[in-house]
Amino acid sequence: MILVADIGGTTTRVAIGSDDGSIHDSRQFSTPRAFSTGMTAVAENMHQLAGYGSATRVVIGIAGVLNTEKTCLAWSAHLPGWAGYDIPSALWDQLCLPVSLENDAALGALGEARN
């Protein structure tokens, strides 16, 4: 099972799905302005969704420009308070799962190409 999140400037969507791309359940909430509050909200919603099965990893799409290591936002017009924070490490601390971070538009294009 894969836990996924789309963190946008106004809304965050979190879901759990299978490796085949099927979605089992999802939730959405307003994206907090503060990074620590946002990470707590993402982790809490993922913990609740993980009751559907054993999650093995997390994939995050986020609105903004990532640093070259793809560990944090270098810049984001929509999430300025989130820039510079190590998102995979913050979620690892709460979920103990490996986390991949990518630009949300890049993941959207990948999803369209796959369909």
C-alpha atoms as a PDB file:
ATOM      1  CA  MET A   1       0.000   0.000   0.000  1.00  0.00           C
ATOM      2  CA  ILE A   2       1.126   3.525  -0.779  1.00  0.00           C
ATOM      3  CA  LEU A   3       0.188   6.668   1.123  1.00  0.00           C
ATOM      4  CA  VAL A   4       0.052   9.724  -1.127  1.00  0.00           C
ATOM      5  CA  ALA A   5      -0.519  13.421  -0.543  1.00  0.00           C
ATOM      6  CA  ASP A   6      -1.064  16.391  -2.813  1.00  0.00           C
ATOM      7  CA  ILE A   7      -0.127  19.453  -0.764  1.00  0.00           C
ATOM      8  CA  GLY A   8      -1.461  22.570  -2.429  1.00  0.00           C
ATOM      9  CA  GLY A   9      -1.595  26.196  -1.430  1.00  0.00           C
ATOM     10  CA  THR A  10      -5.181  25.942  -0.153  1.00  0.00           C
ATOM     11  CA  THR A  11      -6.095  22.250   0.045  1.00  0.00           C
ATOM     12  CA  THR A  12      -4.234  19.065   0.923  1.00  0.00           C
ATOM     13  CA  ARG A  13      -5.498  15.694  -0.264  1.00  0.00           C
ATOM     14  CA  VAL A  14      -4.265  12.463   1.307  1.00  0.00           C
ATOM     15  CA  ALA A  15      -5.055   8.954   0.045  1.00  0.00           C
ATOM     16  CA  ILE A  16      -4.074   5.321   0.394  1.00  0.00           C
ATOM     17  CA  GLY A  17      -3.891   3.038  -2.583  1.00  0.00           C
ATOM     18  CA  SER A  18      -2.437  -0.117  -4.055  1.00  0.00           C
ATOM     19  CA  ASP A  19       0.615  -0.482  -6.253  1.00  0.00           C
ATOM     20  CA  ASP A  20      -1.752  -1.023  -9.209  1.00  0.00           C
ATOM     21  CA  GLY A  21      -3.013   2.564  -8.867  1.00  0.00           C
ATOM     22  CA  SER A  22      -6.377   1.878  -7.235  1.00  0.00           C
ATOM     23  CA  ILE A  23      -7.393   4.289  -4.457  1.00  0.00           C
ATOM     24  CA  HIS A  24      -8.907   2.725  -1.325  1.00  0.00           C
ATOM     25  CA  ASP A  25      -9.756   5.864   0.659  1.00  0.00           C
ATOM     26  CA  SER A  26      -8.961   9.567   0.709  1.00  0.00           C
ATOM     27  CA  ARG A  27      -9.378  12.715   2.777  1.00  0.00           C
ATOM     28  CA  GLN A  28      -8.889  16.414   2.266  1.00  0.00           C
ATOM     29  CA  PHE A  29      -8.353  19.401   4.525  1.00  0.00           C
ATOM     30  CA  SER A  30      -7.233  23.015   4.354  1.00  0.00           C
ATOM     31  CA  THR A  31      -3.467  23.318   4.066  1.00  0.00           C
ATOM     32  CA  PRO A  32      -2.042  24.877   7.228  1.00  0.00           C
ATOM     33  CA  ARG A  33       0.189  27.928   6.719  1.00  0.00           C
ATOM     34  CA  ALA A  34       2.766  26.707   9.256  1.00  0.00           C
ATOM     35  CA  PHE A  35       5.042  23.824   8.241  1.00  0.00           C
ATOM     36  CA  SER A  36       4.938  21.943  11.559  1.00  0.00           C
ATOM     37  CA  THR A  37       1.142  22.120  11.727  1.00  0.00           C
ATOM     38  CA  GLY A  38       0.964  20.921   8.122  1.00  0.00           C
ATOM     39  CA  MET A  39       3.233  17.931   8.721  1.00  0.00           C
ATOM     40  CA  THR A  40       1.223  16.942  11.788  1.00  0.00           C
ATOM     41  CA  ALA A  41      -2.033  17.147   9.810  1.00  0.00           C
ATOM     42  CA  VAL A  42      -0.620  15.086   6.926  1.00  0.00           C
ATOM     43  CA  ALA A  43       0.806  12.455   9.296  1.00  0.00           C
ATOM     44  CA  GLU A  44      -2.402  12.187  11.363  1.00  0.00           C
ATOM     45  CA  ASN A  45      -4.542  11.722   8.259  1.00  0.00           C
ATOM     46  CA  MET A  46      -2.108   9.149   6.878  1.00  0.00           C
ATOM     47  CA  HIS A  47      -2.158   7.243  10.178  1.00  0.00           C
ATOM     48  CA  GLN A  48      -5.954   7.097   9.988  1.00  0.00           C
ATOM     49  CA  LEU A  49      -5.907   5.900   6.373  1.00  0.00           C
ATOM     50  CA  ALA A  50      -3.214   3.288   6.996  1.00  0.00           C
ATOM     51  CA  GLY A  51      -5.771   1.252   8.919  1.00  0.00           C
ATOM     52  CA  TYR A  52      -6.818  -0.128   5.516  1.00  0.00           C
ATOM     53  CA  GLY A  53      -3.576  -2.056   5.167  1.00  0.00           C
ATOM     54  CA  SER A  54       0.102  -2.000   5.710  1.00  0.00           C
ATOM     55  CA  ALA A  55       1.623   1.046   4.002  1.00  0.00           C
ATOM     56  CA  THR A  56       5.162   0.632   2.716  1.00  0.00           C
ATOM     57  CA  ARG A  57       5.971   4.124   1.469  1.00  0.00           C
ATOM     58  CA  VAL A  58       4.793   7.705   1.068  1.00  0.00           C
ATOM     59  CA  VAL A  59       4.732   9.874  -2.053  1.00  0.00           C
ATOM     60  CA  ILE A  60       4.188  13.622  -1.700  1.00  0.00           C
ATOM     61  CA  GLY A  61       3.378  16.078  -4.474  1.00  0.00           C
ATOM     62  CA  ILE A  62       3.770  19.700  -3.420  1.00  0.00           C
ATOM     63  CA  ALA A  63       3.191  23.074  -5.056  1.00  0.00           C
ATOM     64  CA  GLY A  64       6.518  24.791  -5.613  1.00  0.00           C
ATOM     65  CA  VAL A  65      10.116  24.505  -6.741  1.00  0.00           C
ATOM     66  CA  LEU A  66      12.111  21.764  -5.001  1.00  0.00           C
ATOM     67  CA  ASN A  67      15.786  21.843  -4.108  1.00  0.00           C
ATOM     68  CA  THR A  68      18.095  19.630  -6.208  1.00  0.00           C
ATOM     69  CA  GLU A  69      18.011  16.818  -3.607  1.00  0.00           C
ATOM     70  CA  LYS A  70      14.185  16.852  -3.636  1.00  0.00           C
ATOM     71  CA  THR A  71      14.005  17.121   0.134  1.00  0.00           C
ATOM     72  CA  CYS A  72      12.428  20.548   0.541  1.00  0.00           C
ATOM     73  CA  LEU A  73      10.771  23.470  -1.168  1.00  0.00           C
ATOM     74  CA  ALA A  74      13.311  25.946  -2.455  1.00  0.00           C
ATOM     75  CA  TRP A  75      10.498  28.382  -3.209  1.00  0.00           C
ATOM     76  CA  SER A  76       6.710  28.385  -3.304  1.00  0.00           C
ATOM     77  CA  ALA A  77       4.335  31.257  -3.973  1.00  0.00           C
ATOM     78  CA  HIS A  78       1.540  29.291  -2.309  1.00  0.00           C
ATOM     79  CA  LEU A  79       3.435  27.853   0.679  1.00  0.00           C
ATOM     80  CA  PRO A  80       6.110  30.427   1.623  1.00  0.00           C
ATOM     81  CA  GLY A  81       6.203  29.252   5.260  1.00  0.00           C
ATOM     82  CA  TRP A  82       7.141  25.735   4.121  1.00  0.00           C
ATOM     83  CA  ALA A  83      10.320  26.611   2.184  1.00  0.00           C
ATOM     84  CA  GLY A  84      13.592  25.210   3.493  1.00  0.00           C
ATOM     85  CA  TYR A  85      12.134  22.431   5.661  1.00  0.00           C
ATOM     86  CA  ASP A  86      13.102  18.798   5.072  1.00  0.00           C
ATOM     87  CA  ILE A  87       9.708  17.249   4.310  1.00  0.00           C
ATOM     88  CA  PRO A  88      10.791  13.580   3.977  1.00  0.00           C
ATOM     89  CA  SER A  89      12.608  13.716   7.328  1.00  0.00           C
ATOM     90  CA  ALA A  90       9.673  15.396   9.057  1.00  0.00           C
ATOM     91  CA  LEU A  91       7.278  12.704   7.850  1.00  0.00           C
ATOM     92  CA  TRP A  92       9.764   9.892   8.556  1.00  0.00           C
ATOM     93  CA  ASP A  93       9.838  11.082  12.170  1.00  0.00           C
ATOM     94  CA  GLN A  94       6.047  10.677  12.388  1.00  0.00           C
ATOM     95  CA  LEU A  95       5.349   7.720  10.069  1.00  0.00           C
ATOM     96  CA  CYS A  96       8.600   5.694   9.978  1.00  0.00           C
ATOM     97  CA  LEU A  97       8.130   5.168   6.227  1.00  0.00           C
ATOM     98  CA  PRO A  98      10.339   6.220   3.316  1.00  0.00           C
ATOM     99  CA  VAL A  99       9.079   9.425   1.682  1.00  0.00           C
ATOM    100  CA  SER A 100       9.526  10.593  -1.920  1.00  0.00           C
ATOM    101  CA  LEU A 101       8.931  14.262  -2.716  1.00  0.00           C
ATOM    102  CA  GLU A 102       8.092  15.679  -6.148  1.00  0.00           C
ATOM    103  CA  ASN A 103       6.550  18.786  -7.670  1.00  0.00           C
ATOM    104  CA  ASP A 104       2.771  18.388  -7.854  1.00  0.00           C
ATOM    105  CA  ALA A 105       2.567  19.350 -11.545  1.00  0.00           C
ATOM    106  CA  ALA A 106       5.227  16.767 -12.436  1.00  0.00           C
ATOM    107  CA  LEU A 107       3.258  14.050 -10.655  1.00  0.00           C
ATOM    108  CA  GLY A 108       0.057  15.205 -12.369  1.00  0.00           C
ATOM    109  CA  ALA A 109       1.726  14.904 -15.763  1.00  0.00           C
ATOM    110  CA  LEU A 110       2.998  11.429 -14.877  1.00  0.00           C
ATOM    111  CA  GLY A 111      -0.525  10.400 -13.902  1.00  0.00           C
ATOM    112  CA  GLU A 112      -1.931  11.709 -17.182  1.00  0.00           C
ATOM    113  CA  ALA A 113       0.746   9.886 -19.175  1.00  0.00           C
ATOM    114  CA  ARG A 114      -0.069   6.645 -17.384  1.00  0.00           C
ATOM    115  CA  ASN A 115      -3.774   6.791 -18.262  1.00  0.00           C
END
